[in-house]
PDB file of N, CA and C in Angstrom:
ATOM      1  N   MET A   1      47.462 -30.430  16.115  1.00  0.00           N
ATOM      2  CA  MET A   1      46.089 -30.230  16.539  1.00  0.00           C
ATOM      3  C   MET A   1      45.530 -28.898  16.021  1.00  0.00           C
ATOM      4  N   ILE A   2      46.305 -27.824  16.186  1.00  0.00           N
ATOM      5  CA  ILE A   2      45.859 -26.507  15.737  1.00  0.00           C
ATOM      6  C   ILE A   2      45.794 -26.467  14.215  1.00  0.00           C
ATOM      7  N   ASN A   3      46.732 -27.128  13.555  1.00  0.00           N
ATOM      8  CA  ASN A   3      46.700 -27.171  12.090  1.00  0.00           C
ATOM      9  C   ASN A   3      45.449 -27.889  11.593  1.00  0.00           C
ATOM     10  N   THR A   4      45.033 -28.919  12.307  1.00  0.00           N
ATOM     11  CA  THR A   4      43.815 -29.641  11.930  1.00  0.00           C
ATOM     12  C   THR A   4      42.595 -28.736  12.063  1.00  0.00           C
ATOM     13  N   ILE A   5      42.534 -27.969  13.151  1.00  0.00           N
ATOM     14  CA  ILE A   5      41.414 -27.038  13.356  1.00  0.00           C
ATOM     15  C   ILE A   5      41.425 -25.964  12.276  1.00  0.00           C
ATOM     16  N   LYS A   6      42.609 -25.465  11.923  1.00  0.00           N
ATOM     17  CA  LYS A   6      42.708 -24.471  10.853  1.00  0.00           C
ATOM     18  C   LYS A   6      42.238 -25.047   9.523  1.00  0.00           C
ATOM     19  N   ASP A   7      42.616 -26.282   9.242  1.00  0.00           N
ATOM     20  CA  ASP A   7      42.197 -26.936   7.999  1.00  0.00           C
ATOM     21  C   ASP A   7      40.677 -27.115   7.959  1.00  0.00           C
ATOM     22  N   ILE A   8      40.103 -27.544   9.085  1.00  0.00           N
ATOM     23  CA  ILE A   8      38.637 -27.721   9.157  1.00  0.00           C
ATOM     24  C   ILE A   8      37.938 -26.378   8.969  1.00  0.00           C
ATOM     25  N   ALA A   9      38.460 -25.325   9.604  1.00  0.00           N
ATOM     26  CA  ALA A   9      37.868 -23.987   9.468  1.00  0.00           C
ATOM     27  C   ALA A   9      37.967 -23.503   8.027  1.00  0.00           C
ATOM     28  N   ALA A  10      39.073 -23.775   7.358  1.00  0.00           N
ATOM     29  CA  ALA A  10      39.240 -23.368   5.962  1.00  0.00           C
ATOM     30  C   ALA A  10      38.256 -24.099   5.061  1.00  0.00           C
ATOM     31  N   VAL A  11      38.071 -25.393   5.295  1.00  0.00           N
ATOM     32  CA  VAL A  11      37.126 -26.172   4.487  1.00  0.00           C
ATOM     33  C   VAL A  11      35.696 -25.677   4.709  1.00  0.00           C
ATOM     34  N   VAL A  12      35.347 -25.452   5.960  1.00  0.00           N
ATOM     35  CA  VAL A  12      33.984 -24.961   6.269  1.00  0.00           C
ATOM     36  C   VAL A  12      33.772 -23.578   5.669  1.00  0.00           C
ATOM     37  N   GLY A  13      34.780 -22.712   5.743  1.00  0.00           N
ATOM     38  CA  GLY A  13      34.683 -21.381   5.142  1.00  0.00           C
ATOM     39  C   GLY A  13      34.497 -21.443   3.641  1.00  0.00           C
ATOM     40  N   CYS A  14      35.269 -22.311   2.989  1.00  0.00           N
ATOM     41  CA  CYS A  14      35.124 -22.469   1.532  1.00  0.00           C
ATOM     42  C   CYS A  14      33.749 -23.021   1.174  1.00  0.00           C
ATOM     43  N   ALA A  15      33.293 -24.011   1.946  1.00  0.00           N
ATOM     44  CA  ALA A  15      31.979 -24.601   1.667  1.00  0.00           C
ATOM     45  C   ALA A  15      30.882 -23.563   1.829  1.00  0.00           C
ATOM     46  N   SER A  16      30.956 -22.746   2.890  1.00  0.00           N
ATOM     47  CA  SER A  16      29.915 -21.731   3.083  1.00  0.00           C
ATOM     48  C   SER A  16      29.971 -20.664   2.000  1.00  0.00           C
ATOM     49  N   ALA A  17      31.164 -20.318   1.522  1.00  0.00           N
ATOM     50  CA  ALA A  17      31.295 -19.354   0.431  1.00  0.00           C
ATOM     51  C   ALA A  17      30.696 -19.904  -0.854  1.00  0.00           C
ATOM     52  N   ILE A  18      30.931 -21.192  -1.140  1.00  0.00           N
ATOM     53  CA  ILE A  18      30.370 -21.828  -2.341  1.00  0.00           C
ATOM     54  C   ILE A  18      28.847 -21.876  -2.245  1.00  0.00           C
ATOM     55  N   ILE A  19      28.333 -22.224  -1.077  1.00  0.00           N
ATOM     56  CA  ILE A  19      26.871 -22.269  -0.888  1.00  0.00           C
ATOM     57  C   ILE A  19      26.274 -20.878  -1.065  1.00  0.00           C
ATOM     58  N   ALA A  20      26.918 -19.855  -0.486  1.00  0.00           N
ATOM     59  CA  ALA A  20      26.430 -18.483  -0.625  1.00  0.00           C
ATOM     60  C   ALA A  20      26.436 -18.045  -2.085  1.00  0.00           C
ATOM     61  N   LEU A  21      27.476 -18.401  -2.821  1.00  0.00           N
ATOM     62  CA  LEU A  21      27.555 -18.059  -4.237  1.00  0.00           C
ATOM     63  C   LEU A  21      26.439 -18.743  -5.024  1.00  0.00           C
ATOM     64  N   CYS A  22      26.210 -20.034  -4.743  1.00  0.00           N
ATOM     65  CA  CYS A  22      25.142 -20.773  -5.433  1.00  0.00           C
ATOM     66  C   CYS A  22      23.775 -20.169  -5.139  1.00  0.00           C
ATOM     67  N   VAL A  23      23.539 -19.835  -3.888  1.00  0.00           N
ATOM     68  CA  VAL A  23      22.242 -19.251  -3.513  1.00  0.00           C
ATOM     69  C   VAL A  23      22.065 -17.895  -4.176  1.00  0.00           C
ATOM     70  N   THR A  24      23.151 -17.129  -4.291  1.00  0.00           N
ATOM     71  CA  THR A  24      23.072 -15.813  -4.917  1.00  0.00           C
ATOM     72  C   THR A  24      22.832 -15.921  -6.418  1.00  0.00           C
ATOM     73  N   VAL A  25      23.458 -16.871  -7.061  1.00  0.00           N
ATOM     74  CA  VAL A  25      23.393 -16.974  -8.517  1.00  0.00           C
ATOM     75  C   VAL A  25      22.155 -17.734  -8.987  1.00  0.00           C
ATOM     76  N   ILE A  26      21.810 -18.823  -8.340  1.00  0.00           N
ATOM     77  CA  ILE A  26      20.706 -19.677  -8.801  1.00  0.00           C
ATOM     78  C   ILE A  26      19.408 -19.218  -8.146  1.00  0.00           C
ATOM     79  N   ARG A  27      18.508 -18.636  -8.963  1.00  0.00           N
ATOM     80  CA  ARG A  27      17.284 -18.032  -8.445  1.00  0.00           C
ATOM     81  C   ARG A  27      16.348 -19.023  -7.754  1.00  0.00           C
ATOM     82  N   PRO A  28      16.037 -20.186  -8.335  1.00  0.00           N
ATOM     83  CA  PRO A  28      15.133 -21.119  -7.643  1.00  0.00           C
ATOM     84  C   PRO A  28      15.670 -21.558  -6.279  1.00  0.00           C
ATOM     85  N   LEU A  29      16.970 -21.746  -6.206  1.00  0.00           N
ATOM     86  CA  LEU A  29      17.588 -22.120  -4.939  1.00  0.00           C
ATOM     87  C   LEU A  29      17.474 -20.967  -3.938  1.00  0.00           C
ATOM     88  N   ARG A  30      17.671 -19.741  -4.434  1.00  0.00           N
ATOM     89  CA  ARG A  30      17.549 -18.557  -3.579  1.00  0.00           C
ATOM     90  C   ARG A  30      16.135 -18.425  -3.034  1.00  0.00           C
ATOM     91  N   ILE A  31      15.124 -18.666  -3.883  1.00  0.00           N
ATOM     92  CA  ILE A  31      13.732 -18.573  -3.447  1.00  0.00           C
ATOM     93  C   ILE A  31      13.435 -19.610  -2.366  1.00  0.00           C
ATOM     94  N   LYS A  32      13.945 -20.836  -2.562  1.00  0.00           N
ATOM     95  CA  LYS A  32      13.725 -21.889  -1.560  1.00  0.00           C
ATOM     96  C   LYS A  32      14.404 -21.549  -0.236  1.00  0.00           C
ATOM     97  N   VAL A  33      15.630 -21.034  -0.316  1.00  0.00           N
ATOM     98  CA  VAL A  33      16.356 -20.693   0.914  1.00  0.00           C
ATOM     99  C   VAL A  33      15.668 -19.539   1.640  1.00  0.00           C
ATOM    100  N   VAL A  34      15.242 -18.532   0.903  1.00  0.00           N
ATOM    101  CA  VAL A  34      14.549 -17.404   1.527  1.00  0.00           C
ATOM    102  C   VAL A  34      13.234 -17.874   2.148  1.00  0.00           C
ATOM    103  N   GLY A  35      12.486 -18.720   1.450  1.00  0.00           N
ATOM    104  CA  GLY A  35      11.248 -19.275   2.003  1.00  0.00           C
ATOM    105  C   GLY A  35      11.503 -20.088   3.256  1.00  0.00           C
ATOM    106  N   TRP A  36      12.570 -20.875   3.249  1.00  0.00           N
ATOM    107  CA  TRP A  36      12.912 -21.687   4.429  1.00  0.00           C
ATOM    108  C   TRP A  36      13.279 -20.792   5.614  1.00  0.00           C
ATOM    109  N   ILE A  37      14.028 -19.725   5.338  1.00  0.00           N
ATOM    110  CA  ILE A  37      14.410 -18.798   6.417  1.00  0.00           C
ATOM    111  C   ILE A  37      13.179 -18.095   6.967  1.00  0.00           C
ATOM    112  N   LYS A  38      12.278 -17.662   6.076  1.00  0.00           N
ATOM    113  CA  LYS A  38      11.045 -17.015   6.549  1.00  0.00           C
ATOM    114  C   LYS A  38      10.214 -17.962   7.392  1.00  0.00           C
ATOM    115  N   GLN A  39      10.137 -19.213   6.966  1.00  0.00           N
ATOM    116  CA  GLN A  39       9.362 -20.195   7.718  1.00  0.00           C
ATOM    117  C   GLN A  39       9.974 -20.428   9.088  1.00  0.00           C
ATOM    118  N   LYS A  40      11.275 -20.555   9.141  1.00  0.00           N
ATOM    119  CA  LYS A  40      11.952 -20.819  10.414  1.00  0.00           C
ATOM    120  C   LYS A  40      11.920 -19.602  11.334  1.00  0.00           C
ATOM    121  N   SER A  41      11.947 -18.414  10.759  1.00  0.00           N
ATOM    122  CA  SER A  41      11.953 -17.208  11.594  1.00  0.00           C
ATOM    123  C   SER A  41      10.545 -16.727  11.912  1.00  0.00           C
ATOM    124  N   ASN A  42       9.536 -17.409  11.384  1.00  0.00           N
ATOM    125  CA  ASN A  42       8.136 -17.099  11.687  1.00  0.00           C
ATOM    126  C   ASN A  42       7.753 -15.696  11.217  1.00  0.00           C
ATOM    127  N   THR A  43       8.327 -15.284  10.081  1.00  0.00           N
ATOM    128  CA  THR A  43       8.098 -13.947   9.555  1.00  0.00           C
ATOM    129  C   THR A  43       6.650 -13.736   9.137  1.00  0.00           C
ATOM    130  N   CYS A  44       6.022 -14.750   8.569  1.00  0.00           N
ATOM    131  CA  CYS A  44       4.646 -14.604   8.094  1.00  0.00           C
ATOM    132  C   CYS A  44       3.707 -14.262   9.256  1.00  0.00           C
ATOM    133  N   GLU A  45       3.893 -14.919  10.364  1.00  0.00           N
ATOM    134  CA  GLU A  45       3.038 -14.644  11.524  1.00  0.00           C
ATOM    135  C   GLU A  45       3.296 -13.239  12.061  1.00  0.00           C
ATOM    136  N   ILE A  46       4.542 -12.825  12.067  1.00  0.00           N
ATOM    137  CA  ILE A  46       4.872 -11.482  12.537  1.00  0.00           C
ATOM    138  C   ILE A  46       4.258 -10.437  11.618  1.00  0.00           C
ATOM    139  N   GLU A  47       4.332 -10.650  10.308  1.00  0.00           N
ATOM    140  CA  GLU A  47       3.727  -9.719   9.355  1.00  0.00           C
ATOM    141  C   GLU A  47       2.214  -9.661   9.544  1.00  0.00           C
ATOM    142  N   ARG A  48       1.582 -10.810   9.806  1.00  0.00           N
ATOM    143  CA  ARG A  48       0.142 -10.842  10.041  1.00  0.00           C
ATOM    144  C   ARG A  48      -0.210 -10.047  11.300  1.00  0.00           C
ATOM    145  N   LYS A  49       0.594 -10.211  12.342  1.00  0.00           N
ATOM    146  CA  LYS A  49       0.346  -9.474  13.581  1.00  0.00           C
ATOM    147  C   LYS A  49       0.533  -7.971  13.373  1.00  0.00           C
ATOM    148  N   ILE A  50       1.535  -7.591  12.595  1.00  0.00           N
ATOM    149  CA  ILE A  50       1.750  -6.172  12.301  1.00  0.00           C
ATOM    150  C   ILE A  50       0.575  -5.604  11.535  1.00  0.00           C
ATOM    151  N   ASP A  51       0.043  -6.355  10.562  1.00  0.00           N
ATOM    152  CA  ASP A  51      -1.133  -5.904   9.819  1.00  0.00           C
ATOM    153  C   ASP A  51      -2.328  -5.720  10.752  1.00  0.00           C
ATOM    154  N   THR A  52      -2.515  -6.664  11.672  1.00  0.00           N
ATOM    155  CA  THR A  52      -3.620  -6.571  12.620  1.00  0.00           C
ATOM    156  C   THR A  52      -3.465  -5.335  13.499  1.00  0.00           C
ATOM    157  N   ILE A  53      -2.262  -5.091  13.983  1.00  0.00           N
ATOM    158  CA  ILE A  53      -2.017  -3.917  14.824  1.00  0.00           C
ATOM    159  C   ILE A  53      -2.244  -2.636  14.032  1.00  0.00           C
ATOM    160  N   SER A  54      -1.845  -2.607  12.771  1.00  0.00           N
ATOM    161  CA  SER A  54      -2.054  -1.424  11.927  1.00  0.00           C
ATOM    162  C   SER A  54      -3.546  -1.134  11.752  1.00  0.00           C
ATOM    163  N   LYS A  55      -4.344  -2.183  11.508  1.00  0.00           N
ATOM    164  CA  LYS A  55      -5.783  -1.999  11.346  1.00  0.00           C
ATOM    165  C   LYS A  55      -6.414  -1.492  12.643  1.00  0.00           C
ATOM    166  N   LEU A  56      -6.007  -2.067  13.768  1.00  0.00           N
ATOM    167  CA  LEU A  56      -6.534  -1.614  15.054  1.00  0.00           C
ATOM    168  C   LEU A  56      -6.161  -0.161  15.339  1.00  0.00           C
ATOM    169  N   LEU A  57      -4.945   0.214  14.972  1.00  0.00           N
ATOM    170  CA  LEU A  57      -4.502   1.591  15.171  1.00  0.00           C
ATOM    171  C   LEU A  57      -5.309   2.558  14.311  1.00  0.00           C
ATOM    172  N   GLU A  58      -5.586   2.186  13.071  1.00  0.00           N
ATOM    173  CA  GLU A  58      -6.400   3.033  12.198  1.00  0.00           C
ATOM    174  C   GLU A  58      -7.801   3.211  12.774  1.00  0.00           C
ATOM    175  N   GLU A  59      -8.407   2.123  13.279  1.00  0.00           N
ATOM    176  CA  GLU A  59      -9.733   2.218  13.897  1.00  0.00           C
ATOM    177  C   GLU A  59      -9.692   3.113  15.132  1.00  0.00           C
ATOM    178  N   HIS A  60      -8.640   2.988  15.917  1.00  0.00           N
ATOM    179  CA  HIS A  60      -8.499   3.806  17.124  1.00  0.00           C
ATOM    180  C   HIS A  60      -8.389   5.288  16.760  1.00  0.00           C
ATOM    181  N   ILE A  61      -7.628   5.584  15.703  1.00  0.00           N
ATOM    182  CA  ILE A  61      -7.470   6.976  15.271  1.00  0.00           C
ATOM    183  C   ILE A  61      -8.805   7.536  14.812  1.00  0.00           C
ATOM    184  N   LYS A  62      -9.581   6.760  14.042  1.00  0.00           N
ATOM    185  CA  LYS A  62     -10.905   7.218  13.605  1.00  0.00           C
ATOM    186  C   LYS A  62     -11.816   7.464  14.798  1.00  0.00           C
ATOM    187  N   HIS A  63     -11.795   6.549  15.753  1.00  0.00           N
ATOM    188  CA  HIS A  63     -12.628   6.681  16.954  1.00  0.00           C
ATOM    189  C   HIS A  63     -12.196   7.907  17.764  1.00  0.00           C
ATOM    190  N   ASP A  64     -10.892   8.130  17.856  1.00  0.00           N
ATOM    191  CA  ASP A  64     -10.363   9.257  18.613  1.00  0.00           C
ATOM    192  C   ASP A  64     -10.735  10.580  17.941  1.00  0.00           C
ATOM    193  N   ASP A  65     -10.727  10.608  16.602  1.00  0.00           N
ATOM    194  CA  ASP A  65     -11.124  11.820  15.888  1.00  0.00           C
ATOM    195  C   ASP A  65     -12.573  12.159  16.191  1.00  0.00           C
ATOM    196  N   GLY A  66     -13.429  11.152  16.286  1.00  0.00           N
ATOM    197  CA  GLY A  66     -14.832  11.384  16.639  1.00  0.00           C
ATOM    198  C   GLY A  66     -14.962  11.968  18.030  1.00  0.00           C
ATOM    199  N   LYS A  67     -14.182  11.467  18.961  1.00  0.00           N
ATOM    200  CA  LYS A  67     -14.218  11.998  20.324  1.00  0.00           C
ATOM    201  C   LYS A  67     -13.723  13.442  20.366  1.00  0.00           C
ATOM    202  N   THR A  68     -12.723  13.755  19.574  1.00  0.00           N
ATOM    203  CA  THR A  68     -12.194  15.115  19.533  1.00  0.00           C
ATOM    204  C   THR A  68     -13.275  16.071  19.040  1.00  0.00           C
ATOM    205  N   GLU A  69     -14.001  15.666  18.025  1.00  0.00           N
ATOM    206  CA  GLU A  69     -15.070  16.514  17.492  1.00  0.00           C
ATOM    207  C   GLU A  69     -16.152  16.731  18.538  1.00  0.00           C
ATOM    208  N   ILE A  70     -16.550  15.671  19.246  1.00  0.00           N
ATOM    209  CA  ILE A  70     -17.570  15.786  20.292  1.00  0.00           C
ATOM    210  C   ILE A  70     -17.080  16.701  21.405  1.00  0.00           C
ATOM    211  N   THR A  71     -15.828  16.580  21.789  1.00  0.00           N
ATOM    212  CA  THR A  71     -15.264  17.431  22.843  1.00  0.00           C
ATOM    213  C   THR A  71     -15.272  18.895  22.423  1.00  0.00           C
ATOM    214  N   GLU A  72     -14.953  19.177  21.182  1.00  0.00           N
ATOM    215  CA  GLU A  72     -14.981  20.553  20.695  1.00  0.00           C
ATOM    216  C   GLU A  72     -16.400  21.115  20.719  1.00  0.00           C
ATOM    217  N   LEU A  73     -17.380  20.297  20.331  1.00  0.00           N
ATOM    218  CA  LEU A  73     -18.769  20.742  20.378  1.00  0.00           C
ATOM    219  C   LEU A  73     -19.218  21.015  21.811  1.00  0.00           C
ATOM    220  N   GLN A  74     -18.824  20.142  22.733  1.00  0.00           N
ATOM    221  CA  GLN A  74     -19.182  20.342  24.135  1.00  0.00           C
ATOM    222  C   GLN A  74     -18.531  21.599  24.695  1.00  0.00           C
ATOM    223  N   THR A  75     -17.299  21.855  24.306  1.00  0.00           N
ATOM    224  CA  THR A  75     -16.612  23.072  24.765  1.00  0.00           C
ATOM    225  C   THR A  75     -17.333  24.315  24.250  1.00  0.00           C
ATOM    226  N   GLY A  76     -17.733  24.291  22.995  1.00  0.00           N
ATOM    227  CA  GLY A  76     -18.473  25.423  22.434  1.00  0.00           C
ATOM    228  C   GLY A  76     -19.797  25.635  23.150  1.00  0.00           C
ATOM    229  N   ALA A  77     -20.496  24.540  23.433  1.00  0.00           N
ATOM    230  CA  ALA A  77     -21.776  24.657  24.146  1.00  0.00           C
ATOM    231  C   ALA A  77     -21.571  25.205  25.547  1.00  0.00           C
ATOM    232  N   LEU A  78     -20.546  24.773  26.233  1.00  0.00           N
ATOM    233  CA  LEU A  78     -20.253  25.264  27.580  1.00  0.00           C
ATOM    234  C   LEU A  78     -19.924  26.750  27.553  1.00  0.00           C
ATOM    235  N   LEU A  79     -19.174  27.190  26.557  1.00  0.00           N
ATOM    236  CA  LEU A  79     -18.872  28.610  26.429  1.00  0.00           C
ATOM    237  C   LEU A  79     -20.140  29.435  26.214  1.00  0.00           C
ATOM    238  N   CYS A  80     -21.061  28.929  25.408  1.00  0.00           N
ATOM    239  CA  CYS A  80     -22.325  29.631  25.185  1.00  0.00           C
ATOM    240  C   CYS A  80     -23.132  29.739  26.478  1.00  0.00           C
ATOM    241  N   ILE A  81     -23.174  28.654  27.243  1.00  0.00           N
ATOM    242  CA  ILE A  81     -23.905  28.661  28.520  1.00  0.00           C
ATOM    243  C   ILE A  81     -23.275  29.655  29.481  1.00  0.00           C
ATOM    244  N   MET A  82     -21.955  29.658  29.557  1.00  0.00           N
ATOM    245  CA  MET A  82     -21.267  30.591  30.457  1.00  0.00           C
ATOM    246  C   MET A  82     -21.494  32.037  30.026  1.00  0.00           C
ATOM    247  N   ARG A  83     -21.448  32.286  28.732  1.00  0.00           N
ATOM    248  CA  ARG A  83     -21.689  33.631  28.215  1.00  0.00           C
ATOM    249  C   ARG A  83     -23.110  34.084  28.552  1.00  0.00           C
ATOM    250  N   ASP A  84     -24.070  33.181  28.409  1.00  0.00           N
ATOM    251  CA  ASP A  84     -25.458  33.505  28.734  1.00  0.00           C
ATOM    252  C   ASP A  84     -25.614  33.805  30.227  1.00  0.00           C
ATOM    253  N   SER A  85     -24.947  33.025  31.079  1.00  0.00           N
ATOM    254  CA  SER A  85     -25.021  33.260  32.525  1.00  0.00           C
ATOM    255  C   SER A  85     -24.420  34.608  32.890  1.00  0.00           C
ATOM    256  N   ILE A  86     -23.283  34.927  32.296  1.00  0.00           N
ATOM    257  CA  ILE A  86     -22.646  36.225  32.574  1.00  0.00           C
ATOM    258  C   ILE A  86     -23.544  37.364  32.120  1.00  0.00           C
ATOM    259  N   THR A  87     -24.156  37.214  30.938  1.00  0.00           N
ATOM    260  CA  THR A  87     -25.054  38.251  30.433  1.00  0.00           C
ATOM    261  C   THR A  87     -26.262  38.417  31.354  1.00  0.00           C
ATOM    262  N   ALA A  88     -26.836  37.308  31.826  1.00  0.00           N
ATOM    263  CA  ALA A  88     -27.993  37.379  32.732  1.00  0.00           C
ATOM    264  C   ALA A  88     -27.612  38.067  34.030  1.00  0.00           C
ATOM    265  N   ILE A  89     -26.465  37.756  34.580  1.00  0.00           N
ATOM    266  CA  ILE A  89     -26.007  38.401  35.824  1.00  0.00           C
ATOM    267  C   ILE A  89     -25.774  39.884  35.579  1.00  0.00           C
ATOM    268  N   TYR A  90     -25.203  40.222  34.425  1.00  0.00           N
ATOM    269  CA  TYR A  90     -24.952  41.623  34.102  1.00  0.00           C
ATOM    270  C   TYR A  90     -26.255  42.424  34.076  1.00  0.00           C
ATOM    271  N   TYR A  91     -27.248  41.914  33.352  1.00  0.00           N
ATOM    272  CA  TYR A  91     -28.508  42.654  33.256  1.00  0.00           C
ATOM    273  C   TYR A  91     -29.246  42.694  34.590  1.00  0.00           C
ATOM    274  N   LYS A  92     -29.102  41.665  35.398  1.00  0.00           N
ATOM    275  CA  LYS A  92     -29.747  41.631  36.719  1.00  0.00           C
ATOM    276  C   LYS A  92     -29.175  42.753  37.592  1.00  0.00           C
ATOM    277  N   TYR A  93     -27.873  42.922  37.592  1.00  0.00           N
ATOM    278  CA  TYR A  93     -27.268  43.953  38.439  1.00  0.00           C
ATOM    279  C   TYR A  93     -27.304  45.338  37.785  1.00  0.00           C
ATOM    280  N   MET A  94     -27.483  45.412  36.490  1.00  0.00           N
ATOM    281  CA  MET A  94     -27.639  46.708  35.814  1.00  0.00           C
ATOM    282  C   MET A  94     -28.959  47.338  36.221  1.00  0.00           C
ATOM    283  N   GLU A  95     -30.012  46.510  36.423  1.00  0.00           N
ATOM    284  CA  GLU A  95     -31.301  47.047  36.839  1.00  0.00           C
ATOM    285  C   GLU A  95     -31.223  47.579  38.270  1.00  0.00           C
ATOM    286  N   LYS A  96     -30.401  46.947  39.098  1.00  0.00           N
ATOM    287  CA  LYS A  96     -30.263  47.376  40.497  1.00  0.00           C
ATOM    288  C   LYS A  96     -29.215  48.474  40.632  1.00  0.00           C
ATOM    289  N   GLU A  97     -28.484  48.709  39.600  1.00  0.00           N
ATOM    290  CA  GLU A  97     -27.392  49.668  39.558  1.00  0.00           C
ATOM    291  C   GLU A  97     -26.333  49.281  40.530  1.00  0.00           C
TER     292      GLU A  97
END
């Protein structure tokens, strides 16, 4: 019984080695096998989804850069307002000593 299983395993191993050699050597067969594997593994859809995510990420980065610029402008404006308020308070109390 065990010898039969060993014989079957040896035959299957040899067959898979021959198939692997043929796929490696014969280019049209290799292209068909690779295409079949991609189709079965749904690689094309995954690549499409990755492209979509990349485009969305690029748009998000551009949008975020715009927000950063607006925030910097608002910070500068707030600093100017605060500086003006401090100056007004200073001159108000300088007159009163």
